[in-house]
């Protein structure tokens, strides 16, 4: 797996902004907007939000893959989201416990 962090790269484009990866990406984006003084429909904010969304999608795809037809990415997502720790009363044959 590549070590690229698209979200970190996005925030690095704003050199005056001190990104805190311990916070959620969305809360950091809101903080960036306040820091930049962007209003709701500011064209710069709209462009930044599009770039931010793209970074999130690229990060997700890199971490979990893009093939929705194979089970491995779904299992990985379940494990990451801790859904794998939940149990189900019914599950399809061959599925992991708690992760359908």
PDB file of N, CA and C in Angstrom:
ATOM      1  N   UNK A   1       0.836  -1.180   0.000  1.00  0.00           N
ATOM      2  CA  UNK A   1       0.000   0.000   0.000  1.00  0.00           C
ATOM      3  C   UNK A   1       0.881   1.244   0.000  1.00  0.00           C
ATOM      4  N   UNK A   2       0.492   2.229  -0.728  1.00  0.00           N
ATOM      5  CA  UNK A   2       1.229   3.479  -0.813  1.00  0.00           C
ATOM      6  C   UNK A   2       1.111   4.245   0.501  1.00  0.00           C
ATOM      7  N   UNK A   3       2.097   5.094   0.759  1.00  0.00           N
ATOM      8  CA  UNK A   3       2.065   5.870   1.997  1.00  0.00           C
ATOM      9  C   UNK A   3       1.513   7.276   1.774  1.00  0.00           C
ATOM     10  N   UNK A   4       0.958   7.548   0.600  1.00  0.00           N
ATOM     11  CA  UNK A   4       0.383   8.853   0.314  1.00  0.00           C
ATOM     12  C   UNK A   4      -0.825   9.094   1.203  1.00  0.00           C
ATOM     13  N   UNK A   5      -0.875  10.272   1.785  1.00  0.00           N
ATOM     14  CA  UNK A   5      -2.050  10.658   2.552  1.00  0.00           C
ATOM     15  C   UNK A   5      -2.663  11.860   1.848  1.00  0.00           C
ATOM     16  N   UNK A   6      -3.710  11.612   1.098  1.00  0.00           N
ATOM     17  CA  UNK A   6      -4.316  12.647   0.267  1.00  0.00           C
ATOM     18  C   UNK A   6      -4.929  13.770   1.099  1.00  0.00           C
ATOM     19  N   UNK A   7      -5.424  13.444   2.269  1.00  0.00           N
ATOM     20  CA  UNK A   7      -6.026  14.468   3.128  1.00  0.00           C
ATOM     21  C   UNK A   7      -4.937  15.397   3.660  1.00  0.00           C
ATOM     22  N   UNK A   8      -3.833  14.826   4.123  1.00  0.00           N
ATOM     23  CA  UNK A   8      -2.709  15.646   4.577  1.00  0.00           C
ATOM     24  C   UNK A   8      -2.190  16.507   3.437  1.00  0.00           C
ATOM     25  N   UNK A   9      -2.092  15.920   2.248  1.00  0.00           N
ATOM     26  CA  UNK A   9      -1.635  16.675   1.078  1.00  0.00           C
ATOM     27  C   UNK A   9      -2.567  17.838   0.764  1.00  0.00           C
ATOM     28  N   UNK A  10      -3.874  17.620   0.905  1.00  0.00           N
ATOM     29  CA  UNK A  10      -4.835  18.699   0.668  1.00  0.00           C
ATOM     30  C   UNK A  10      -4.558  19.865   1.614  1.00  0.00           C
ATOM     31  N   UNK A  11      -4.461  19.578   2.908  1.00  0.00           N
ATOM     32  CA  UNK A  11      -4.253  20.654   3.878  1.00  0.00           C
ATOM     33  C   UNK A  11      -2.887  21.315   3.715  1.00  0.00           C
ATOM     34  N   UNK A  12      -1.906  20.583   3.218  1.00  0.00           N
ATOM     35  CA  UNK A  12      -0.568  21.147   3.004  1.00  0.00           C
ATOM     36  C   UNK A  12      -0.577  22.258   1.957  1.00  0.00           C
ATOM     37  N   UNK A  13      -1.599  22.286   1.113  1.00  0.00           N
ATOM     38  CA  UNK A  13      -1.718  23.353   0.114  1.00  0.00           C
ATOM     39  C   UNK A  13      -1.953  24.717   0.765  1.00  0.00           C
ATOM     40  N   UNK A  14      -2.350  24.721   2.024  1.00  0.00           N
ATOM     41  CA  UNK A  14      -2.627  25.962   2.755  1.00  0.00           C
ATOM     42  C   UNK A  14      -1.534  26.127   3.804  1.00  0.00           C
ATOM     43  N   UNK A  15      -0.423  26.718   3.385  1.00  0.00           N
ATOM     44  CA  UNK A  15       0.778  26.770   4.224  1.00  0.00           C
ATOM     45  C   UNK A  15       0.584  27.537   5.530  1.00  0.00           C
ATOM     46  N   UNK A  16      -0.359  28.459   5.579  1.00  0.00           N
ATOM     47  CA  UNK A  16      -0.603  29.214   6.809  1.00  0.00           C
ATOM     48  C   UNK A  16      -1.530  28.473   7.772  1.00  0.00           C
ATOM     49  N   UNK A  17      -2.017  27.316   7.357  1.00  0.00           N
ATOM     50  CA  UNK A  17      -2.945  26.543   8.180  1.00  0.00           C
ATOM     51  C   UNK A  17      -2.196  25.383   8.818  1.00  0.00           C
ATOM     52  N   UNK A  18      -2.326  25.232  10.119  1.00  0.00           N
ATOM     53  CA  UNK A  18      -1.659  24.153  10.846  1.00  0.00           C
ATOM     54  C   UNK A  18      -2.636  22.991  11.033  1.00  0.00           C
ATOM     55  N   UNK A  19      -2.610  22.057  10.101  1.00  0.00           N
ATOM     56  CA  UNK A  19      -3.503  20.893  10.109  1.00  0.00           C
ATOM     57  C   UNK A  19      -3.195  19.985  11.294  1.00  0.00           C
ATOM     58  N   UNK A  20      -4.240  19.559  11.994  1.00  0.00           N
ATOM     59  CA  UNK A  20      -4.106  18.639  13.124  1.00  0.00           C
ATOM     60  C   UNK A  20      -4.726  17.295  12.743  1.00  0.00           C
ATOM     61  N   UNK A  21      -3.899  16.302  12.377  1.00  0.00           N
ATOM     62  CA  UNK A  21      -4.435  15.004  11.955  1.00  0.00           C
ATOM     63  C   UNK A  21      -5.124  14.230  13.074  1.00  0.00           C
ATOM     64  N   UNK A  22      -4.999  14.683  14.316  1.00  0.00           N
ATOM     65  CA  UNK A  22      -5.699  14.023  15.419  1.00  0.00           C
ATOM     66  C   UNK A  22      -7.186  14.372  15.418  1.00  0.00           C
ATOM     67  N   UNK A  23      -7.548  15.432  14.732  1.00  0.00           N
ATOM     68  CA  UNK A  23      -8.949  15.840  14.602  1.00  0.00           C
ATOM     69  C   UNK A  23      -9.541  15.197  13.350  1.00  0.00           C
ATOM     70  N   UNK A  24     -10.864  15.198  13.235  1.00  0.00           N
ATOM     71  CA  UNK A  24     -11.473  14.654  12.020  1.00  0.00           C
ATOM     72  C   UNK A  24     -11.181  15.584  10.851  1.00  0.00           C
ATOM     73  N   UNK A  25     -11.113  15.015   9.676  1.00  0.00           N
ATOM     74  CA  UNK A  25     -10.833  15.816   8.481  1.00  0.00           C
ATOM     75  C   UNK A  25     -11.904  16.883   8.282  1.00  0.00           C
ATOM     76  N   UNK A  26     -13.162  16.529   8.539  1.00  0.00           N
ATOM     77  CA  UNK A  26     -14.242  17.499   8.337  1.00  0.00           C
ATOM     78  C   UNK A  26     -14.167  18.654   9.329  1.00  0.00           C
ATOM     79  N   UNK A  27     -13.831  18.369  10.573  1.00  0.00           N
ATOM     80  CA  UNK A  27     -13.707  19.473  11.532  1.00  0.00           C
ATOM     81  C   UNK A  27     -12.519  20.354  11.168  1.00  0.00           C
ATOM     82  N   UNK A  28     -11.462  19.755  10.648  1.00  0.00           N
ATOM     83  CA  UNK A  28     -10.316  20.548  10.210  1.00  0.00           C
ATOM     84  C   UNK A  28     -10.662  21.380   8.977  1.00  0.00           C
ATOM     85  N   UNK A  29     -11.509  20.852   8.091  1.00  0.00           N
ATOM     86  CA  UNK A  29     -11.928  21.654   6.937  1.00  0.00           C
ATOM     87  C   UNK A  29     -12.741  22.862   7.403  1.00  0.00           C
ATOM     88  N   UNK A  30     -13.635  22.652   8.359  1.00  0.00           N
ATOM     89  CA  UNK A  30     -14.410  23.779   8.895  1.00  0.00           C
ATOM     90  C   UNK A  30     -13.485  24.814   9.538  1.00  0.00           C
ATOM     91  N   UNK A  31     -12.475  24.337  10.249  1.00  0.00           N
ATOM     92  CA  UNK A  31     -11.512  25.253  10.866  1.00  0.00           C
ATOM     93  C   UNK A  31     -10.719  26.000   9.797  1.00  0.00           C
ATOM     94  N   UNK A  32     -10.361  25.305   8.715  1.00  0.00           N
ATOM     95  CA  UNK A  32      -9.679  25.956   7.597  1.00  0.00           C
ATOM     96  C   UNK A  32     -10.543  27.071   7.029  1.00  0.00           C
ATOM     97  N   UNK A  33     -11.825  26.797   6.849  1.00  0.00           N
ATOM     98  CA  UNK A  33     -12.743  27.808   6.312  1.00  0.00           C
ATOM     99  C   UNK A  33     -12.780  29.040   7.203  1.00  0.00           C
ATOM    100  N   UNK A  34     -12.850  28.827   8.502  1.00  0.00           N
ATOM    101  CA  UNK A  34     -12.841  29.969   9.441  1.00  0.00           C
ATOM    102  C   UNK A  34     -11.517  30.711   9.353  1.00  0.00           C
ATOM    103  N   UNK A  35     -10.426  29.956   9.293  1.00  0.00           N
ATOM    104  CA  UNK A  35      -9.091  30.541   9.227  1.00  0.00           C
ATOM    105  C   UNK A  35      -8.914  31.399   7.972  1.00  0.00           C
ATOM    106  N   UNK A  36      -9.496  30.936   6.869  1.00  0.00           N
ATOM    107  CA  UNK A  36      -9.376  31.658   5.598  1.00  0.00           C
ATOM    108  C   UNK A  36     -10.422  32.763   5.470  1.00  0.00           C
ATOM    109  N   UNK A  37     -11.386  32.783   6.377  1.00  0.00           N
ATOM    110  CA  UNK A  37     -12.435  33.797   6.320  1.00  0.00           C
ATOM    111  C   UNK A  37     -13.435  33.574   5.199  1.00  0.00           C
ATOM    112  N   UNK A  38     -13.575  32.312   4.768  1.00  0.00           N
ATOM    113  CA  UNK A  38     -14.492  32.002   3.675  1.00  0.00           C
ATOM    114  C   UNK A  38     -15.927  32.004   4.164  1.00  0.00           C
ATOM    115  N   UNK A  39     -16.781  32.612   3.386  1.00  0.00           N
ATOM    116  CA  UNK A  39     -18.221  32.578   3.651  1.00  0.00           C
ATOM    117  C   UNK A  39     -18.813  31.376   2.918  1.00  0.00           C
ATOM    118  N   UNK A  40     -20.078  31.103   3.177  1.00  0.00           N
ATOM    119  CA  UNK A  40     -20.748  29.904   2.662  1.00  0.00           C
ATOM    120  C   UNK A  40     -20.587  29.690   1.154  1.00  0.00           C
ATOM    121  N   UNK A  41     -20.874  30.692   0.348  1.00  0.00           N
ATOM    122  CA  UNK A  41     -20.838  30.534  -1.114  1.00  0.00           C
ATOM    123  C   UNK A  41     -19.600  31.148  -1.751  1.00  0.00           C
ATOM    124  N   UNK A  42     -18.583  31.398  -0.969  1.00  0.00           N
ATOM    125  CA  UNK A  42     -17.335  31.958  -1.487  1.00  0.00           C
ATOM    126  C   UNK A  42     -16.768  31.007  -2.544  1.00  0.00           C
ATOM    127  N   UNK A  43     -16.463  31.510  -3.751  1.00  0.00           N
ATOM    128  CA  UNK A  43     -15.935  30.632  -4.810  1.00  0.00           C
ATOM    129  C   UNK A  43     -14.668  29.878  -4.393  1.00  0.00           C
ATOM    130  N   UNK A  44     -13.816  30.511  -3.597  1.00  0.00           N
ATOM    131  CA  UNK A  44     -12.608  29.820  -3.132  1.00  0.00           C
ATOM    132  C   UNK A  44     -12.972  28.653  -2.213  1.00  0.00           C
ATOM    133  N   UNK A  45     -13.989  28.849  -1.375  1.00  0.00           N
ATOM    134  CA  UNK A  45     -14.424  27.770  -0.480  1.00  0.00           C
ATOM    135  C   UNK A  45     -15.028  26.629  -1.291  1.00  0.00           C
ATOM    136  N   UNK A  46     -15.828  26.967  -2.290  1.00  0.00           N
ATOM    137  CA  UNK A  46     -16.455  25.938  -3.128  1.00  0.00           C
ATOM    138  C   UNK A  46     -15.376  25.103  -3.821  1.00  0.00           C
ATOM    139  N   UNK A  47     -14.360  25.772  -4.353  1.00  0.00           N
ATOM    140  CA  UNK A  47     -13.263  25.057  -5.013  1.00  0.00           C
ATOM    141  C   UNK A  47     -12.485  24.202  -4.004  1.00  0.00           C
ATOM    142  N   UNK A  48     -12.215  24.773  -2.838  1.00  0.00           N
ATOM    143  CA  UNK A  48     -11.493  24.026  -1.805  1.00  0.00           C
ATOM    144  C   UNK A  48     -12.300  22.813  -1.355  1.00  0.00           C
ATOM    145  N   UNK A  49     -13.615  22.978  -1.232  1.00  0.00           N
ATOM    146  CA  UNK A  49     -14.453  21.862  -0.792  1.00  0.00           C
ATOM    147  C   UNK A  49     -14.451  20.735  -1.826  1.00  0.00           C
ATOM    148  N   UNK A  50     -14.469  21.096  -3.096  1.00  0.00           N
ATOM    149  CA  UNK A  50     -14.380  20.089  -4.158  1.00  0.00           C
ATOM    150  C   UNK A  50     -13.055  19.341  -4.057  1.00  0.00           C
ATOM    151  N   UNK A  51     -11.963  20.083  -3.860  1.00  0.00           N
ATOM    152  CA  UNK A  51     -10.648  19.450  -3.710  1.00  0.00           C
ATOM    153  C   UNK A  51     -10.597  18.571  -2.461  1.00  0.00           C
ATOM    154  N   UNK A  52     -11.221  19.036  -1.382  1.00  0.00           N
ATOM    155  CA  UNK A  52     -11.276  18.282  -0.129  1.00  0.00           C
ATOM    156  C   UNK A  52     -12.039  16.969  -0.333  1.00  0.00           C
ATOM    157  N   UNK A  53     -13.189  17.043  -0.992  1.00  0.00           N
ATOM    158  CA  UNK A  53     -13.971  15.832  -1.266  1.00  0.00           C
ATOM    159  C   UNK A  53     -13.171  14.843  -2.105  1.00  0.00           C
ATOM    160  N   UNK A  54     -12.467  15.354  -3.114  1.00  0.00           N
ATOM    161  CA  UNK A  54     -11.638  14.483  -3.951  1.00  0.00           C
ATOM    162  C   UNK A  54     -10.551  13.803  -3.127  1.00  0.00           C
ATOM    163  N   UNK A  55      -9.949  14.545  -2.197  1.00  0.00           N
ATOM    164  CA  UNK A  55      -8.905  13.972  -1.340  1.00  0.00           C
ATOM    165  C   UNK A  55      -9.474  12.851  -0.475  1.00  0.00           C
ATOM    166  N   UNK A  56     -10.675  13.050   0.044  1.00  0.00           N
ATOM    167  CA  UNK A  56     -11.304  12.016   0.875  1.00  0.00           C
ATOM    168  C   UNK A  56     -11.593  10.765   0.048  1.00  0.00           C
ATOM    169  N   UNK A  57     -12.113  10.951  -1.145  1.00  0.00           N
ATOM    170  CA  UNK A  57     -12.402   9.809  -2.022  1.00  0.00           C
ATOM    171  C   UNK A  57     -11.114   9.065  -2.373  1.00  0.00           C
ATOM    172  N   UNK A  58     -10.066   9.807  -2.730  1.00  0.00           N
ATOM    173  CA  UNK A  58      -8.800   9.156  -3.076  1.00  0.00           C
ATOM    174  C   UNK A  58      -8.223   8.402  -1.879  1.00  0.00           C
ATOM    175  N   UNK A  59      -8.337   8.986  -0.679  1.00  0.00           N
ATOM    176  CA  UNK A  59      -7.838   8.316   0.523  1.00  0.00           C
ATOM    177  C   UNK A  59      -8.634   7.041   0.801  1.00  0.00           C
ATOM    178  N   UNK A  60      -9.943   7.140   0.690  1.00  0.00           N
ATOM    179  CA  UNK A  60     -10.804   5.970   0.897  1.00  0.00           C
ATOM    180  C   UNK A  60     -10.462   4.876  -0.114  1.00  0.00           C
ATOM    181  N   UNK A  61     -10.368   5.246  -1.383  1.00  0.00           N
ATOM    182  CA  UNK A  61     -10.077   4.266  -2.430  1.00  0.00           C
ATOM    183  C   UNK A  61      -8.723   3.607  -2.227  1.00  0.00           C
ATOM    184  N   UNK A  62      -7.744   4.386  -1.782  1.00  0.00           N
ATOM    185  CA  UNK A  62      -6.421   3.816  -1.549  1.00  0.00           C
ATOM    186  C   UNK A  62      -6.444   2.851  -0.369  1.00  0.00           C
ATOM    187  N   UNK A  63      -7.191   3.192   0.652  1.00  0.00           N
ATOM    188  CA  UNK A  63      -7.236   2.363   1.859  1.00  0.00           C
ATOM    189  C   UNK A  63      -8.084   1.108   1.665  1.00  0.00           C
ATOM    190  N   UNK A  64      -9.232   1.247   0.986  1.00  0.00           N
ATOM    191  CA  UNK A  64     -10.184   0.139   0.905  1.00  0.00           C
ATOM    192  C   UNK A  64     -10.362  -0.422  -0.496  1.00  0.00           C
ATOM    193  N   UNK A  65      -9.796   0.219  -1.495  1.00  0.00           N
ATOM    194  CA  UNK A  65      -9.926  -0.270  -2.856  1.00  0.00           C
ATOM    195  C   UNK A  65     -11.178   0.256  -3.534  1.00  0.00           C
ATOM    196  N   UNK A  66     -11.339  -0.119  -4.791  1.00  0.00           N
ATOM    197  CA  UNK A  66     -12.461   0.384  -5.584  1.00  0.00           C
ATOM    198  C   UNK A  66     -13.318  -0.725  -6.172  1.00  0.00           C
ATOM    199  N   UNK A  67     -12.972  -1.968  -5.891  1.00  0.00           N
ATOM    200  CA  UNK A  67     -13.720  -3.087  -6.460  1.00  0.00           C
ATOM    201  C   UNK A  67     -14.845  -3.493  -5.511  1.00  0.00           C
ATOM    202  N   UNK A  68     -16.045  -3.025  -5.791  1.00  0.00           N
ATOM    203  CA  UNK A  68     -17.201  -3.311  -4.933  1.00  0.00           C
ATOM    204  C   UNK A  68     -17.721  -4.733  -5.119  1.00  0.00           C
ATOM    205  N   UNK A  69     -17.182  -5.459  -6.092  1.00  0.00           N
ATOM    206  CA  UNK A  69     -17.670  -6.806  -6.378  1.00  0.00           C
ATOM    207  C   UNK A  69     -16.884  -7.908  -5.677  1.00  0.00           C
ATOM    208  N   UNK A  70     -15.846  -7.545  -4.936  1.00  0.00           N
ATOM    209  CA  UNK A  70     -15.109  -8.555  -4.172  1.00  0.00           C
ATOM    210  C   UNK A  70     -15.314  -8.294  -2.685  1.00  0.00           C
ATOM    211  N   UNK A  71     -15.233  -9.349  -1.909  1.00  0.00           N
ATOM    212  CA  UNK A  71     -15.559  -9.225  -0.479  1.00  0.00           C
ATOM    213  C   UNK A  71     -14.420  -8.637   0.351  1.00  0.00           C
ATOM    214  N   UNK A  72     -13.174  -8.785  -0.083  1.00  0.00           N
ATOM    215  CA  UNK A  72     -12.046  -8.347   0.738  1.00  0.00           C
ATOM    216  C   UNK A  72     -12.120  -6.866   1.128  1.00  0.00           C
ATOM    217  N   UNK A  73     -12.414  -5.953   0.183  1.00  0.00           N
ATOM    218  CA  UNK A  73     -12.515  -4.544   0.605  1.00  0.00           C
ATOM    219  C   UNK A  73     -13.633  -4.312   1.617  1.00  0.00           C
ATOM    220  N   UNK A  74     -14.742  -5.028   1.474  1.00  0.00           N
ATOM    221  CA  UNK A  74     -15.854  -4.879   2.417  1.00  0.00           C
ATOM    222  C   UNK A  74     -15.457  -5.392   3.798  1.00  0.00           C
ATOM    223  N   UNK A  75     -14.737  -6.508   3.833  1.00  0.00           N
ATOM    224  CA  UNK A  75     -14.274  -7.041   5.113  1.00  0.00           C
ATOM    225  C   UNK A  75     -13.303  -6.070   5.781  1.00  0.00           C
ATOM    226  N   UNK A  76     -12.423  -5.504   4.984  1.00  0.00           N
ATOM    227  CA  UNK A  76     -11.460  -4.536   5.510  1.00  0.00           C
ATOM    228  C   UNK A  76     -12.190  -3.321   6.078  1.00  0.00           C
ATOM    229  N   UNK A  77     -13.207  -2.856   5.364  1.00  0.00           N
ATOM    230  CA  UNK A  77     -13.997  -1.719   5.831  1.00  0.00           C
ATOM    231  C   UNK A  77     -14.726  -2.070   7.125  1.00  0.00           C
ATOM    232  N   UNK A  78     -15.289  -3.256   7.189  1.00  0.00           N
ATOM    233  CA  UNK A  78     -15.965  -3.699   8.422  1.00  0.00           C
ATOM    234  C   UNK A  78     -14.996  -3.730   9.595  1.00  0.00           C
ATOM    235  N   UNK A  79     -13.823  -4.303   9.373  1.00  0.00           N
ATOM    236  CA  UNK A  79     -12.842  -4.370  10.462  1.00  0.00           C
ATOM    237  C   UNK A  79     -12.434  -2.972  10.899  1.00  0.00           C
ATOM    238  N   UNK A  80     -12.218  -2.086   9.951  1.00  0.00           N
ATOM    239  CA  UNK A  80     -11.789  -0.716  10.260  1.00  0.00           C
ATOM    240  C   UNK A  80     -12.875   0.037  11.022  1.00  0.00           C
ATOM    241  N   UNK A  81     -14.127  -0.190  10.676  1.00  0.00           N
ATOM    242  CA  UNK A  81     -15.231   0.533  11.315  1.00  0.00           C
ATOM    243  C   UNK A  81     -15.701  -0.153  12.594  1.00  0.00           C
ATOM    244  N   UNK A  82     -15.065  -1.248  12.950  1.00  0.00           N
ATOM    245  CA  UNK A  82     -15.405  -2.044  14.124  1.00  0.00           C
ATOM    246  C   UNK A  82     -16.758  -2.735  13.999  1.00  0.00           C
ATOM    247  N   UNK A  83     -17.343  -2.744  12.811  1.00  0.00           N
ATOM    248  CA  UNK A  83     -18.589  -3.483  12.602  1.00  0.00           C
ATOM    249  C   UNK A  83     -18.344  -4.973  12.770  1.00  0.00           C
ATOM    250  N   UNK A  84     -17.116  -5.399  12.561  1.00  0.00           N
ATOM    251  CA  UNK A  84     -16.768  -6.801  12.725  1.00  0.00           C
ATOM    252  C   UNK A  84     -16.889  -7.284  14.158  1.00  0.00           C
ATOM    253  N   UNK A  85     -16.983  -6.364  15.108  1.00  0.00           N
ATOM    254  CA  UNK A  85     -17.130  -6.743  16.514  1.00  0.00           C
ATOM    255  C   UNK A  85     -18.583  -6.965  16.904  1.00  0.00           C
ATOM    256  N   UNK A  86     -19.497  -6.639  16.024  1.00  0.00           N
ATOM    257  CA  UNK A  86     -20.921  -6.814  16.307  1.00  0.00           C
ATOM    258  C   UNK A  86     -21.358  -8.190  15.828  1.00  0.00           C
ATOM    259  N   UNK A  87     -22.348  -8.729  16.475  1.00  0.00           N
ATOM    260  CA  UNK A  87     -22.858 -10.031  16.054  1.00  0.00           C
ATOM    261  C   UNK A  87     -24.229  -9.862  15.429  1.00  0.00           C
ATOM    262  N   UNK A  88     -24.561 -10.803  14.580  1.00  0.00           N
ATOM    263  CA  UNK A  88     -25.851 -10.789  13.892  1.00  0.00           C
ATOM    264  C   UNK A  88     -26.592 -12.073  14.240  1.00  0.00           C
ATOM    265  N   UNK A  89     -27.903 -11.986  14.347  1.00  0.00           N
ATOM    266  CA  UNK A  89     -28.677 -13.198  14.607  1.00  0.00           C
ATOM    267  C   UNK A  89     -28.763 -14.044  13.341  1.00  0.00           C
ATOM    268  N   UNK A  90     -28.761 -13.407  12.183  1.00  0.00           N
ATOM    269  CA  UNK A  90     -28.784 -14.129  10.906  1.00  0.00           C
ATOM    270  C   UNK A  90     -27.687 -13.552  10.034  1.00  0.00           C
ATOM    271  N   UNK A  91     -27.030 -14.413   9.296  1.00  0.00           N
ATOM    272  CA  UNK A  91     -26.026 -13.937   8.354  1.00  0.00           C
ATOM    273  C   UNK A  91     -25.947 -14.909   7.191  1.00  0.00           C
ATOM    274  N   UNK A  92     -25.615 -14.404   6.022  1.00  0.00           N
ATOM    275  CA  UNK A  92     -25.492 -15.288   4.861  1.00  0.00           C
ATOM    276  C   UNK A  92     -24.372 -16.302   5.069  1.00  0.00           C
ATOM    277  N   UNK A  93     -24.571 -17.481   4.535  1.00  0.00           N
ATOM    278  CA  UNK A  93     -23.557 -18.521   4.618  1.00  0.00           C
ATOM    279  C   UNK A  93     -22.263 -18.008   3.993  1.00  0.00           C
ATOM    280  N   UNK A  94     -21.153 -18.222   4.679  1.00  0.00           N
ATOM    281  CA  UNK A  94     -19.851 -17.821   4.157  1.00  0.00           C
ATOM    282  C   UNK A  94     -19.437 -16.412   4.540  1.00  0.00           C
ATOM    283  N   UNK A  95     -20.309 -15.648   5.190  1.00  0.00           N
ATOM    284  CA  UNK A  95     -19.928 -14.290   5.588  1.00  0.00           C
ATOM    285  C   UNK A  95     -19.194 -14.338   6.919  1.00  0.00           C
ATOM    286  N   UNK A  96     -18.371 -13.311   7.170  1.00  0.00           N
ATOM    287  CA  UNK A  96     -17.694 -13.233   8.457  1.00  0.00           C
ATOM    288  C   UNK A  96     -18.705 -12.892   9.535  1.00  0.00           C
ATOM    289  N   UNK A  97     -18.471 -13.383  10.749  1.00  0.00           N
ATOM    290  CA  UNK A  97     -19.365 -13.080  11.859  1.00  0.00           C
ATOM    291  C   UNK A  97     -19.443 -11.569  12.064  1.00  0.00           C
ATOM    292  N   UNK A  98     -20.638 -11.038  12.013  1.00  0.00           N
ATOM    293  CA  UNK A  98     -20.840  -9.622  12.278  1.00  0.00           C
ATOM    294  C   UNK A  98     -20.483  -8.713  11.126  1.00  0.00           C
ATOM    295  N   UNK A  99     -19.974  -9.267  10.057  1.00  0.00           N
ATOM    296  CA  UNK A  99     -19.565  -8.430   8.922  1.00  0.00           C
ATOM    297  C   UNK A  99     -20.108  -9.037   7.646  1.00  0.00           C
ATOM    298  N   UNK A 100     -21.245  -8.564   7.236  1.00  0.00           N
ATOM    299  CA  UNK A 100     -21.917  -9.137   6.070  1.00  0.00           C
ATOM    300  C   UNK A 100     -21.494  -8.410   4.823  1.00  0.00           C
TER     301      UNK A 100
END
